[in-house]
N, C-alpha and C. Protein backbone atom coordinates (compact mmCIF):
# COMPACT_ATOMS: atom_id res chain seq x y z
N UNK A 1 180.61 88.07 104.92
CA UNK A 1 179.31 87.39 105.03
C UNK A 1 178.32 88.25 105.79
N UNK A 2 177.09 88.11 105.37
CA UNK A 2 176.03 88.87 106.05
C UNK A 2 175.60 88.11 107.27
N UNK A 3 175.50 88.83 108.39
CA UNK A 3 175.07 88.20 109.63
C UNK A 3 173.59 87.88 109.61
N UNK A 4 173.18 87.16 110.69
CA UNK A 4 171.76 86.79 110.78
C UNK A 4 170.86 88.00 110.82
N UNK A 5 171.25 89.05 111.53
CA UNK A 5 170.43 90.26 111.63
C UNK A 5 170.28 90.92 110.28
N UNK A 6 171.45 90.91 109.52
CA UNK A 6 171.38 91.53 108.20
C UNK A 6 170.49 90.78 107.27
N UNK A 7 170.56 89.45 107.33
CA UNK A 7 169.70 88.64 106.46
C UNK A 7 168.23 88.85 106.77
N UNK A 8 167.93 88.96 108.06
CA UNK A 8 166.53 89.19 108.45
C UNK A 8 166.05 90.53 107.93
N UNK A 9 166.90 91.57 108.04
CA UNK A 9 166.52 92.90 107.56
C UNK A 9 166.30 92.89 106.07
N UNK A 10 167.17 92.12 105.35
CA UNK A 10 167.02 92.05 103.89
C UNK A 10 165.71 91.39 103.51
N UNK A 11 165.34 90.30 104.22
CA UNK A 11 164.07 89.62 103.92
C UNK A 11 162.87 90.53 104.18
N UNK A 12 162.90 91.31 105.29
CA UNK A 12 161.80 92.24 105.59
C UNK A 12 161.67 93.31 104.52
N UNK A 13 162.84 93.79 104.08
CA UNK A 13 162.80 94.82 103.04
C UNK A 13 162.22 94.26 101.75
N UNK A 14 162.58 93.02 101.42
CA UNK A 14 162.06 92.39 100.21
C UNK A 14 160.56 92.16 100.30
N UNK A 15 160.07 91.72 101.48
CA UNK A 15 158.63 91.52 101.65
C UNK A 15 157.87 92.83 101.53
N UNK A 16 158.43 93.90 102.10
CA UNK A 16 157.78 95.21 102.00
C UNK A 16 157.68 95.66 100.56
N UNK A 17 158.78 95.42 99.82
CA UNK A 17 158.77 95.81 98.41
C UNK A 17 157.72 95.04 97.62
N UNK A 18 157.65 93.72 97.89
CA UNK A 18 156.65 92.90 97.19
C UNK A 18 155.23 93.37 97.51
N UNK A 19 154.99 93.68 98.82
CA UNK A 19 153.66 94.13 99.22
C UNK A 19 153.29 95.44 98.57
N UNK A 20 154.24 96.38 98.53
CA UNK A 20 153.96 97.68 97.91
C UNK A 20 153.69 97.52 96.42
N UNK A 21 154.48 96.62 95.79
CA UNK A 21 154.29 96.40 94.35
C UNK A 21 152.92 95.81 94.06
N UNK A 22 152.51 94.85 94.91
CA UNK A 22 151.20 94.23 94.72
C UNK A 22 150.08 95.25 94.89
N UNK A 23 150.20 96.13 95.91
CA UNK A 23 149.17 97.15 96.12
C UNK A 23 149.09 98.10 94.94
N UNK A 24 150.30 98.46 94.40
CA UNK A 24 150.32 99.39 93.27
C UNK A 24 149.64 98.77 92.06
N UNK A 25 149.87 97.45 91.86
CA UNK A 25 149.25 96.78 90.71
C UNK A 25 147.74 96.61 90.89
N UNK A 26 147.33 96.37 92.15
CA UNK A 26 145.90 96.11 92.41
C UNK A 26 145.06 97.36 92.27
N UNK A 27 145.63 98.54 92.51
CA UNK A 27 144.88 99.78 92.43
C UNK A 27 144.08 100.02 93.69
N UNK A 28 143.25 101.06 93.72
CA UNK A 28 142.48 101.40 94.92
C UNK A 28 141.46 100.31 95.23
N UNK A 29 141.08 100.17 96.49
CA UNK A 29 140.10 99.15 96.86
C UNK A 29 138.76 99.38 96.17
N UNK A 30 138.07 98.34 95.80
CA UNK A 30 136.78 98.51 95.11
C UNK A 30 135.75 99.20 96.00
N UNK A 31 134.90 100.01 95.37
CA UNK A 31 133.84 100.70 96.10
C UNK A 31 132.68 99.74 96.37
N UNK A 32 132.12 99.87 97.54
CA UNK A 32 130.97 99.05 97.87
C UNK A 32 129.75 99.54 97.11
N UNK A 33 128.97 98.62 96.57
CA UNK A 33 127.76 99.00 95.85
C UNK A 33 126.74 99.55 96.84
N UNK A 34 126.00 100.61 96.45
CA UNK A 34 124.97 101.15 97.36
C UNK A 34 123.87 100.13 97.57
N UNK A 35 123.18 100.20 98.70
CA UNK A 35 122.11 99.24 98.96
C UNK A 35 121.02 99.35 97.91
N UNK A 36 120.45 98.22 97.56
CA UNK A 36 119.39 98.19 96.55
C UNK A 36 118.18 98.96 97.03
N UNK A 37 117.60 99.76 96.13
CA UNK A 37 116.43 100.55 96.44
C UNK A 37 115.17 99.73 96.17
N UNK A 38 114.19 99.89 97.03
CA UNK A 38 112.92 99.19 96.83
C UNK A 38 112.23 99.73 95.58
N UNK A 39 111.67 98.85 94.78
CA UNK A 39 110.96 99.28 93.58
C UNK A 39 109.60 99.86 93.88
N UNK A 40 109.07 99.63 95.09
CA UNK A 40 107.75 100.14 95.44
C UNK A 40 107.85 101.61 95.82
N UNK A 41 107.13 102.51 95.17
CA UNK A 41 107.21 103.93 95.50
C UNK A 41 106.65 104.21 96.89
N UNK A 42 107.25 105.19 97.55
CA UNK A 42 106.75 105.57 98.86
C UNK A 42 105.41 106.28 98.71
N UNK A 43 104.50 106.01 99.60
CA UNK A 43 103.17 106.63 99.54
C UNK A 43 103.26 108.07 100.01
N UNK A 44 102.79 108.98 99.17
CA UNK A 44 102.84 110.40 99.50
C UNK A 44 101.88 110.69 100.64
N UNK A 45 102.24 111.58 101.55
CA UNK A 45 101.33 111.93 102.64
C UNK A 45 100.12 112.67 102.09
N UNK A 46 99.01 112.66 102.81
CA UNK A 46 97.81 113.36 102.33
C UNK A 46 98.04 114.87 102.30
N UNK A 47 97.34 115.55 101.41
CA UNK A 47 97.45 116.99 101.31
C UNK A 47 96.78 117.66 102.52
N UNK A 48 97.08 118.94 102.70
CA UNK A 48 96.49 119.70 103.79
C UNK A 48 94.97 119.67 103.69
N UNK A 49 94.31 119.41 104.81
CA UNK A 49 92.86 119.37 104.83
C UNK A 49 92.27 118.05 104.40
N UNK A 50 93.12 117.05 104.14
CA UNK A 50 92.65 115.73 103.71
C UNK A 50 92.89 114.73 104.84
N UNK A 51 91.85 114.00 105.22
CA UNK A 51 92.00 112.97 106.25
C UNK A 51 92.15 111.62 105.56
N UNK A 52 93.18 110.88 105.97
CA UNK A 52 93.43 109.55 105.39
C UNK A 52 92.99 108.47 106.36
N UNK A 53 92.03 107.67 105.93
CA UNK A 53 91.55 106.55 106.74
C UNK A 53 92.24 105.28 106.28
N UNK A 54 93.10 104.73 107.14
CA UNK A 54 93.74 103.47 106.80
C UNK A 54 92.74 102.32 106.87
N UNK A 55 91.76 102.46 107.74
CA UNK A 55 90.77 101.39 107.91
C UNK A 55 89.95 101.19 106.64
N UNK A 56 89.51 102.30 106.02
CA UNK A 56 88.69 102.20 104.82
C UNK A 56 89.49 102.42 103.54
N UNK A 57 90.78 102.75 103.67
CA UNK A 57 91.62 102.94 102.49
C UNK A 57 91.18 104.09 101.63
N UNK A 58 90.82 105.23 102.26
CA UNK A 58 90.32 106.37 101.49
C UNK A 58 90.93 107.68 102.00
N UNK A 59 90.90 108.67 101.12
CA UNK A 59 91.30 110.04 101.46
C UNK A 59 90.05 110.91 101.38
N UNK A 60 89.76 111.60 102.48
CA UNK A 60 88.55 112.41 102.58
C UNK A 60 88.95 113.88 102.71
N UNK A 61 88.56 114.68 101.74
CA UNK A 61 88.87 116.11 101.76
C UNK A 61 87.68 116.89 102.32
N UNK A 62 87.91 117.63 103.38
CA UNK A 62 86.85 118.38 104.06
C UNK A 62 87.10 119.87 103.96
N UNK A 63 86.06 120.64 103.66
CA UNK A 63 86.22 122.09 103.68
C UNK A 63 86.53 122.53 105.11
N UNK A 64 87.31 123.57 105.26
CA UNK A 64 87.69 124.03 106.60
C UNK A 64 88.28 122.88 107.41
N UNK A 65 89.14 122.10 106.74
CA UNK A 65 89.63 120.84 107.27
C UNK A 65 90.05 120.79 108.72
N UNK A 66 90.95 121.71 109.21
CA UNK A 66 91.43 121.60 110.59
C UNK A 66 90.35 121.75 111.66
N UNK A 67 89.20 122.29 111.30
CA UNK A 67 88.15 122.52 112.29
C UNK A 67 87.30 121.28 112.57
N UNK A 68 87.45 120.26 111.75
CA UNK A 68 86.65 119.05 111.93
C UNK A 68 87.26 118.15 112.99
N UNK A 69 86.42 117.58 113.81
CA UNK A 69 86.84 116.55 114.77
C UNK A 69 86.46 115.21 114.17
N UNK A 70 87.46 114.37 113.93
CA UNK A 70 87.25 113.12 113.22
C UNK A 70 87.48 111.93 114.14
N UNK A 71 86.58 110.97 114.09
CA UNK A 71 86.67 109.75 114.87
C UNK A 71 86.59 108.56 113.90
N UNK A 72 87.69 107.84 113.76
CA UNK A 72 87.73 106.70 112.85
C UNK A 72 88.02 105.41 113.61
N UNK A 73 87.67 105.39 114.92
CA UNK A 73 88.01 104.23 115.73
C UNK A 73 86.85 103.69 116.57
N UNK A 74 86.07 104.58 117.17
CA UNK A 74 85.16 104.14 118.23
C UNK A 74 83.90 103.45 117.72
N UNK A 75 83.62 103.51 116.42
CA UNK A 75 82.45 102.81 115.88
C UNK A 75 82.81 102.25 114.51
N UNK A 76 81.84 101.62 113.88
CA UNK A 76 82.10 101.04 112.55
C UNK A 76 81.94 102.06 111.44
N UNK A 77 81.73 103.31 111.82
CA UNK A 77 81.62 104.41 110.87
C UNK A 77 82.79 105.36 111.07
N UNK A 78 83.23 105.98 109.99
CA UNK A 78 84.11 107.14 110.10
C UNK A 78 83.18 108.32 110.34
N UNK A 79 83.34 109.02 111.44
CA UNK A 79 82.46 110.13 111.75
C UNK A 79 83.27 111.41 111.92
N UNK A 80 82.66 112.53 111.55
CA UNK A 80 83.31 113.83 111.67
C UNK A 80 82.26 114.86 112.09
N UNK A 81 82.68 115.81 112.91
CA UNK A 81 81.77 116.87 113.36
C UNK A 81 82.47 118.21 113.29
N UNK A 82 81.70 119.25 113.00
CA UNK A 82 82.22 120.62 112.88
C UNK A 82 81.46 121.52 113.85
N UNK A 83 82.14 122.46 114.52
CA UNK A 83 81.46 123.33 115.48
C UNK A 83 80.31 124.14 114.89
N UNK A 84 80.29 124.33 113.59
CA UNK A 84 79.23 125.11 112.96
C UNK A 84 77.88 124.40 113.03
N UNK A 85 77.88 123.10 113.34
CA UNK A 85 76.64 122.33 113.38
C UNK A 85 76.51 121.35 112.25
N UNK A 86 77.65 120.84 111.76
CA UNK A 86 77.65 119.88 110.66
C UNK A 86 78.23 118.56 111.12
N UNK A 87 77.73 117.46 110.56
CA UNK A 87 78.23 116.13 110.87
C UNK A 87 78.34 115.33 109.59
N UNK A 88 79.24 114.36 109.59
CA UNK A 88 79.44 113.51 108.43
C UNK A 88 79.70 112.09 108.89
N UNK A 89 79.09 111.13 108.19
CA UNK A 89 79.31 109.71 108.43
C UNK A 89 79.67 109.05 107.11
N UNK A 90 80.71 108.20 107.13
CA UNK A 90 81.13 107.47 105.93
C UNK A 90 81.39 106.03 106.33
N UNK A 91 80.98 105.11 105.46
CA UNK A 91 81.19 103.71 105.78
C UNK A 91 81.16 102.86 104.52
N UNK A 92 81.97 101.79 104.49
CA UNK A 92 81.87 100.74 103.49
C UNK A 92 81.73 99.42 104.23
N UNK A 93 81.00 98.48 103.65
CA UNK A 93 80.85 97.18 104.28
C UNK A 93 80.48 96.14 103.22
N UNK A 94 80.50 94.89 103.64
CA UNK A 94 80.20 93.77 102.75
C UNK A 94 79.01 93.01 103.30
N UNK A 95 78.14 92.59 102.40
CA UNK A 95 76.94 91.86 102.78
C UNK A 95 77.02 90.41 102.32
N UNK A 96 76.19 89.58 102.91
CA UNK A 96 76.13 88.17 102.49
C UNK A 96 75.41 88.02 101.15
N UNK A 97 74.58 89.00 100.80
CA UNK A 97 73.76 88.92 99.59
C UNK A 97 74.25 89.93 98.56
N UNK A 98 73.81 89.74 97.33
CA UNK A 98 74.11 90.72 96.28
C UNK A 98 73.31 91.98 96.56
N UNK A 99 73.98 93.12 96.41
CA UNK A 99 73.39 94.39 96.83
C UNK A 99 73.31 95.37 95.67
N UNK A 100 72.46 96.37 95.84
CA UNK A 100 72.43 97.53 94.95
C UNK A 100 72.24 98.76 95.83
N UNK A 101 72.09 99.90 95.21
CA UNK A 101 72.00 101.16 95.96
C UNK A 101 70.87 101.15 96.98
N UNK A 102 69.69 100.74 96.57
CA UNK A 102 68.53 100.78 97.47
C UNK A 102 68.69 99.80 98.64
N UNK A 103 69.21 98.62 98.35
CA UNK A 103 69.40 97.64 99.42
C UNK A 103 70.46 98.11 100.41
N UNK A 104 71.50 98.75 99.90
CA UNK A 104 72.56 99.27 100.79
C UNK A 104 72.01 100.38 101.69
N UNK A 105 71.16 101.24 101.14
CA UNK A 105 70.58 102.29 101.97
C UNK A 105 69.70 101.68 103.07
N UNK A 106 68.89 100.71 102.69
CA UNK A 106 68.01 100.08 103.69
C UNK A 106 68.83 99.42 104.79
N UNK A 107 69.92 98.76 104.42
CA UNK A 107 70.75 98.12 105.43
C UNK A 107 71.46 99.15 106.30
N UNK A 108 71.92 100.24 105.69
CA UNK A 108 72.58 101.31 106.47
C UNK A 108 71.63 101.88 107.51
N UNK A 109 70.37 102.00 107.18
CA UNK A 109 69.40 102.55 108.12
C UNK A 109 69.06 101.55 109.23
N UNK A 110 69.34 100.28 109.00
CA UNK A 110 69.22 99.30 110.08
C UNK A 110 70.42 99.40 111.02
N UNK A 111 71.59 99.68 110.45
CA UNK A 111 72.80 99.80 111.26
C UNK A 111 72.73 100.99 112.21
N UNK A 112 72.15 102.10 111.71
CA UNK A 112 72.23 103.35 112.47
C UNK A 112 71.10 104.28 112.06
N UNK A 113 70.60 105.06 113.00
CA UNK A 113 69.58 106.06 112.67
C UNK A 113 70.21 107.16 111.84
N UNK A 114 69.64 107.38 110.67
CA UNK A 114 70.17 108.37 109.73
C UNK A 114 69.09 109.40 109.40
N UNK A 115 69.49 110.56 108.88
CA UNK A 115 68.49 111.58 108.52
C UNK A 115 67.44 111.02 107.57
N UNK A 116 66.21 111.37 107.82
CA UNK A 116 65.11 110.88 106.99
C UNK A 116 65.13 111.55 105.62
N UNK A 117 64.71 110.79 104.62
CA UNK A 117 64.61 111.33 103.27
C UNK A 117 63.22 111.91 103.00
N UNK A 118 62.32 111.81 103.98
CA UNK A 118 60.97 112.33 103.81
C UNK A 118 60.91 113.82 104.18
N UNK A 119 59.96 114.52 103.61
CA UNK A 119 59.74 115.94 103.87
C UNK A 119 60.96 116.79 103.53
N UNK A 120 61.78 116.30 102.61
CA UNK A 120 62.97 117.03 102.19
C UNK A 120 62.73 117.66 100.83
N UNK A 121 63.06 118.93 100.72
CA UNK A 121 62.98 119.61 99.43
C UNK A 121 64.26 119.29 98.65
N UNK A 122 64.12 118.40 97.67
CA UNK A 122 65.30 117.96 96.93
C UNK A 122 65.76 119.06 95.98
N UNK A 123 67.03 119.43 96.10
CA UNK A 123 67.58 120.48 95.24
C UNK A 123 68.51 119.89 94.17
N UNK A 124 68.96 118.65 94.37
CA UNK A 124 69.83 118.04 93.37
C UNK A 124 69.93 116.54 93.59
N UNK A 125 69.99 115.81 92.50
CA UNK A 125 70.27 114.37 92.54
C UNK A 125 71.33 114.08 91.48
N UNK A 126 72.38 113.36 91.90
CA UNK A 126 73.48 113.10 90.98
C UNK A 126 74.06 111.72 91.21
N UNK A 127 74.57 111.13 90.12
CA UNK A 127 75.29 109.87 90.22
C UNK A 127 76.78 110.16 90.39
N UNK A 128 77.46 109.34 91.18
CA UNK A 128 78.89 109.49 91.42
C UNK A 128 79.57 108.13 91.23
N UNK A 129 80.74 108.15 90.64
CA UNK A 129 81.53 106.92 90.50
C UNK A 129 82.43 106.77 91.73
N UNK A 130 81.79 106.68 92.88
CA UNK A 130 82.48 106.61 94.17
C UNK A 130 81.78 105.58 95.05
N UNK A 131 82.50 104.58 95.52
CA UNK A 131 83.82 104.13 95.04
C UNK A 131 83.73 103.71 93.57
N UNK A 132 84.86 103.61 92.89
CA UNK A 132 84.83 103.27 91.47
C UNK A 132 84.04 101.99 91.20
N UNK A 133 83.12 102.07 90.23
CA UNK A 133 82.33 100.90 89.85
C UNK A 133 81.04 100.74 90.62
N UNK A 134 80.77 101.57 91.63
CA UNK A 134 79.54 101.49 92.41
C UNK A 134 78.43 102.31 91.73
N UNK A 135 77.18 101.93 91.99
CA UNK A 135 76.03 102.66 91.43
C UNK A 135 75.58 103.76 92.40
N UNK A 136 76.51 104.55 92.87
CA UNK A 136 76.22 105.55 93.90
C UNK A 136 75.43 106.73 93.35
N UNK A 137 74.41 107.12 94.11
CA UNK A 137 73.64 108.32 93.78
C UNK A 137 73.47 109.15 95.04
N UNK A 138 73.68 110.46 94.89
CA UNK A 138 73.56 111.40 96.01
C UNK A 138 72.31 112.25 95.86
N UNK A 139 71.61 112.45 96.97
CA UNK A 139 70.44 113.33 97.02
C UNK A 139 70.76 114.48 97.96
N UNK A 140 70.66 115.70 97.44
CA UNK A 140 70.93 116.91 98.23
C UNK A 140 69.60 117.57 98.52
N UNK A 141 69.32 117.84 99.81
CA UNK A 141 68.02 118.39 100.16
C UNK A 141 68.06 119.42 101.26
N UNK A 142 66.99 120.22 101.32
CA UNK A 142 66.81 121.25 102.36
C UNK A 142 65.53 120.97 103.12
N UNK A 143 65.54 121.29 104.42
CA UNK A 143 64.35 121.13 105.26
C UNK A 143 64.18 122.40 106.09
N UNK A 144 63.22 123.26 105.74
CA UNK A 144 62.96 124.44 106.56
C UNK A 144 62.32 124.03 107.89
N UNK A 145 62.59 124.81 108.92
CA UNK A 145 62.00 124.55 110.24
C UNK A 145 61.09 125.72 110.62
N UNK A 146 60.01 125.46 111.37
CA UNK A 146 59.11 126.54 111.78
C UNK A 146 59.79 127.64 112.59
N UNK A 147 60.88 127.30 113.28
CA UNK A 147 61.55 128.32 114.09
C UNK A 147 62.59 129.11 113.30
N UNK A 148 62.63 128.90 111.99
CA UNK A 148 63.53 129.67 111.15
C UNK A 148 64.85 128.99 110.82
N UNK A 149 65.13 127.87 111.44
CA UNK A 149 66.36 127.14 111.14
C UNK A 149 66.23 126.42 109.80
N UNK A 150 67.35 126.26 109.14
CA UNK A 150 67.39 125.53 107.87
C UNK A 150 68.30 124.33 108.05
N UNK A 151 67.78 123.17 107.69
CA UNK A 151 68.57 121.94 107.74
C UNK A 151 68.88 121.50 106.32
N UNK A 152 70.07 120.94 106.14
CA UNK A 152 70.46 120.44 104.83
C UNK A 152 71.13 119.09 104.95
N UNK A 153 70.95 118.25 103.93
CA UNK A 153 71.54 116.90 103.96
C UNK A 153 72.10 116.53 102.59
N UNK A 154 73.14 115.71 102.62
CA UNK A 154 73.64 115.02 101.44
C UNK A 154 73.63 113.54 101.79
N UNK A 155 72.75 112.79 101.13
CA UNK A 155 72.61 111.36 101.39
C UNK A 155 73.05 110.61 100.14
N UNK A 156 74.13 109.85 100.27
CA UNK A 156 74.66 109.11 99.12
C UNK A 156 74.84 107.65 99.51
N UNK A 157 74.30 106.77 98.69
CA UNK A 157 74.42 105.33 98.91
C UNK A 157 74.76 104.65 97.59
N UNK A 158 75.56 103.59 97.69
CA UNK A 158 75.93 102.87 96.47
C UNK A 158 76.22 101.41 96.77
N UNK A 159 76.11 100.58 95.74
CA UNK A 159 76.39 99.16 95.89
C UNK A 159 77.11 98.60 94.69
N UNK A 160 77.84 97.52 94.91
CA UNK A 160 78.52 96.82 93.83
C UNK A 160 78.75 95.38 94.28
N UNK A 161 78.07 94.44 93.62
CA UNK A 161 78.19 93.05 94.05
C UNK A 161 77.65 92.88 95.45
N UNK A 162 78.51 92.46 96.36
CA UNK A 162 78.11 92.31 97.77
C UNK A 162 78.69 93.43 98.65
N UNK A 163 79.11 94.51 98.04
CA UNK A 163 79.71 95.61 98.79
C UNK A 163 78.81 96.83 98.78
N UNK A 164 78.87 97.60 99.88
CA UNK A 164 78.03 98.78 100.04
C UNK A 164 78.85 99.99 100.46
N UNK A 165 78.30 101.16 100.17
CA UNK A 165 78.92 102.43 100.51
C UNK A 165 77.84 103.39 101.00
N UNK A 166 78.15 104.14 102.07
CA UNK A 166 77.22 105.15 102.59
C UNK A 166 77.99 106.42 102.95
N UNK A 167 77.41 107.56 102.58
CA UNK A 167 77.98 108.88 102.86
C UNK A 167 76.81 109.75 103.30
N UNK A 168 76.83 110.20 104.55
CA UNK A 168 75.69 110.93 105.11
C UNK A 168 76.18 112.22 105.76
N UNK A 169 75.78 113.35 105.18
CA UNK A 169 76.17 114.67 105.70
C UNK A 169 74.91 115.41 106.12
N UNK A 170 74.98 116.09 107.28
CA UNK A 170 73.86 116.90 107.77
C UNK A 170 74.40 118.19 108.35
N UNK A 171 73.68 119.29 108.12
CA UNK A 171 74.10 120.59 108.64
C UNK A 171 72.88 121.44 108.93
N UNK A 172 73.08 122.50 109.70
CA UNK A 172 71.97 123.41 110.01
C UNK A 172 72.52 124.80 110.27
N UNK A 173 71.67 125.80 110.07
CA UNK A 173 72.03 127.19 110.33
C UNK A 173 70.77 127.98 110.61
N UNK A 174 70.92 129.09 111.30
CA UNK A 174 69.79 129.98 111.60
C UNK A 174 70.16 131.41 111.18
N UNK A 175 69.14 132.25 111.14
CA UNK A 175 69.39 133.64 110.79
C UNK A 175 68.91 133.98 109.40
N UNK A 176 69.00 135.26 109.03
CA UNK A 176 68.48 135.70 107.73
C UNK A 176 69.21 135.08 106.54
N UNK A 177 70.44 134.65 106.73
CA UNK A 177 71.21 134.08 105.62
C UNK A 177 71.32 132.56 105.75
N UNK A 178 70.46 131.96 106.55
CA UNK A 178 70.58 130.53 106.82
C UNK A 178 70.53 129.69 105.55
N UNK A 179 69.59 129.98 104.67
CA UNK A 179 69.47 129.19 103.44
C UNK A 179 70.73 129.30 102.60
N UNK A 180 71.27 130.49 102.48
CA UNK A 180 72.48 130.70 101.70
C UNK A 180 73.67 129.97 102.31
N UNK A 181 73.78 130.04 103.65
CA UNK A 181 74.89 129.38 104.34
C UNK A 181 74.82 127.86 104.16
N UNK A 182 73.63 127.31 104.38
CA UNK A 182 73.48 125.86 104.25
C UNK A 182 73.71 125.41 102.81
N UNK A 183 73.19 126.17 101.85
CA UNK A 183 73.39 125.81 100.44
C UNK A 183 74.88 125.79 100.09
N UNK A 184 75.65 126.73 100.63
CA UNK A 184 77.09 126.77 100.36
C UNK A 184 77.78 125.55 100.95
N UNK A 185 77.41 125.16 102.15
CA UNK A 185 78.01 123.97 102.77
C UNK A 185 77.67 122.71 101.98
N UNK A 186 76.43 122.63 101.54
CA UNK A 186 76.03 121.45 100.77
C UNK A 186 76.81 121.35 99.47
N UNK A 187 77.01 122.48 98.82
CA UNK A 187 77.77 122.48 97.56
C UNK A 187 79.22 122.06 97.79
N UNK A 188 79.83 122.59 98.84
CA UNK A 188 81.22 122.24 99.12
C UNK A 188 81.36 120.77 99.51
N UNK A 189 80.37 120.25 100.20
CA UNK A 189 80.43 118.83 100.59
C UNK A 189 80.22 117.92 99.39
N UNK A 190 79.27 118.27 98.53
CA UNK A 190 78.99 117.45 97.35
C UNK A 190 80.17 117.44 96.39
N UNK A 191 80.69 118.63 96.08
CA UNK A 191 81.78 118.72 95.11
C UNK A 191 83.12 118.32 95.72
N UNK A 192 83.30 118.58 97.01
CA UNK A 192 84.57 118.30 97.65
C UNK A 192 84.64 116.95 98.32
N UNK A 193 84.01 116.85 99.50
CA UNK A 193 84.14 115.62 100.30
C UNK A 193 83.67 114.39 99.53
N UNK A 194 82.53 114.47 98.85
CA UNK A 194 82.02 113.32 98.11
C UNK A 194 82.65 113.21 96.72
N UNK A 195 82.64 114.30 95.98
CA UNK A 195 83.14 114.27 94.61
C UNK A 195 84.62 113.96 94.51
N UNK A 196 85.40 114.35 95.52
CA UNK A 196 86.85 114.11 95.50
C UNK A 196 87.27 112.96 96.40
N UNK A 197 86.31 112.21 96.91
CA UNK A 197 86.64 111.07 97.75
C UNK A 197 87.49 110.09 96.95
N UNK A 198 88.69 109.79 97.46
CA UNK A 198 89.63 108.96 96.71
C UNK A 198 89.91 107.67 97.47
N UNK A 199 89.73 106.56 96.78
CA UNK A 199 90.05 105.26 97.35
C UNK A 199 91.43 104.86 96.83
N UNK A 200 92.37 104.64 97.74
CA UNK A 200 93.76 104.39 97.38
C UNK A 200 94.04 102.93 97.06
N UNK A 201 93.11 102.05 97.26
CA UNK A 201 93.31 100.64 96.98
C UNK A 201 91.95 99.96 96.88
N UNK A 202 91.93 98.84 96.24
CA UNK A 202 90.71 98.03 96.26
C UNK A 202 90.48 97.55 97.68
N UNK A 203 89.27 97.61 98.13
CA UNK A 203 89.01 97.26 99.51
C UNK A 203 88.11 96.04 99.60
N UNK A 204 88.29 95.30 100.66
CA UNK A 204 87.43 94.16 100.96
C UNK A 204 86.87 94.39 102.36
N UNK A 205 85.81 95.20 102.46
CA UNK A 205 85.30 95.57 103.77
C UNK A 205 84.78 94.36 104.54
N UNK A 206 84.71 94.48 105.85
CA UNK A 206 84.27 93.33 106.66
C UNK A 206 82.80 93.00 106.42
N UNK A 207 82.49 91.73 106.59
CA UNK A 207 81.11 91.28 106.50
C UNK A 207 80.35 91.78 107.72
N UNK A 208 79.21 92.44 107.50
CA UNK A 208 78.45 93.02 108.60
C UNK A 208 77.10 92.34 108.74
N UNK A 209 76.77 91.98 109.97
CA UNK A 209 75.45 91.42 110.25
C UNK A 209 74.75 92.19 111.37
N UNK A 210 75.40 93.26 111.87
CA UNK A 210 74.81 93.97 113.00
C UNK A 210 73.57 94.75 112.58
N UNK A 211 72.63 94.89 113.49
CA UNK A 211 71.42 95.67 113.25
C UNK A 211 71.19 96.65 114.39
N UNK A 212 72.27 97.00 115.10
CA UNK A 212 72.14 97.91 116.23
C UNK A 212 71.72 99.30 115.75
N UNK A 213 70.70 99.84 116.40
CA UNK A 213 70.20 101.16 116.07
C UNK A 213 70.90 102.17 116.98
N UNK A 214 71.80 102.96 116.41
CA UNK A 214 72.59 103.91 117.19
C UNK A 214 72.17 105.32 116.89
N UNK A 215 72.55 106.22 117.79
CA UNK A 215 72.25 107.63 117.57
C UNK A 215 73.05 108.15 116.40
N UNK A 216 72.47 109.11 115.67
CA UNK A 216 73.15 109.68 114.52
C UNK A 216 72.49 111.02 114.21
N UNK A 217 73.19 111.88 113.43
CA UNK A 217 72.57 113.14 113.04
C UNK A 217 71.31 112.88 112.24
N UNK A 218 70.25 113.55 112.56
CA UNK A 218 69.02 113.33 111.81
C UNK A 218 68.14 114.55 111.94
N UNK A 219 67.14 114.54 111.14
CA UNK A 219 66.17 115.64 111.15
C UNK A 219 64.79 115.02 111.04
């Protein structure tokens, strides 16, 4: 007869055999499924020399990009300045009334002192689809100074429904090549900063009622 110890050993051996057989039949453990990937594509970072404004939902490409000092926080305008003597202001806003290009320009000039459009030698006027669907028109002009300095501006305003857009660039240079230098900056700003201005989403800018007259680049 088998003793108690022997019977216990036999039962353990039988259980081990059953367990091994079950594992062999079951096969390897199932692999865990990888975590589900989000269907929304990741937003690509802006290219070199492009400033991305989260507040206005736009990408702004500036010539000589790293040299610009950009402020997108301290006022209701996105402002940029360059050591060469150039400044840029960009803004979108919403009005209580239906707007067009001329009304948006008039309101922008109430918000802030901007370069005058008078006494400017207009060298180009162009329409831009910026932001998309707006009736934006840009005026590029030169203003000679008695002391030999040359001033240049790109003034662009647009409206759509109750929304407005303003883009104001001013620059200056002195010396025998001043006109050539300023003309080159104006061309790069018109074709680059304004022409390539990209809005990454439909925007609903804040309703503005302010009429504060603030300092700004002007001539």
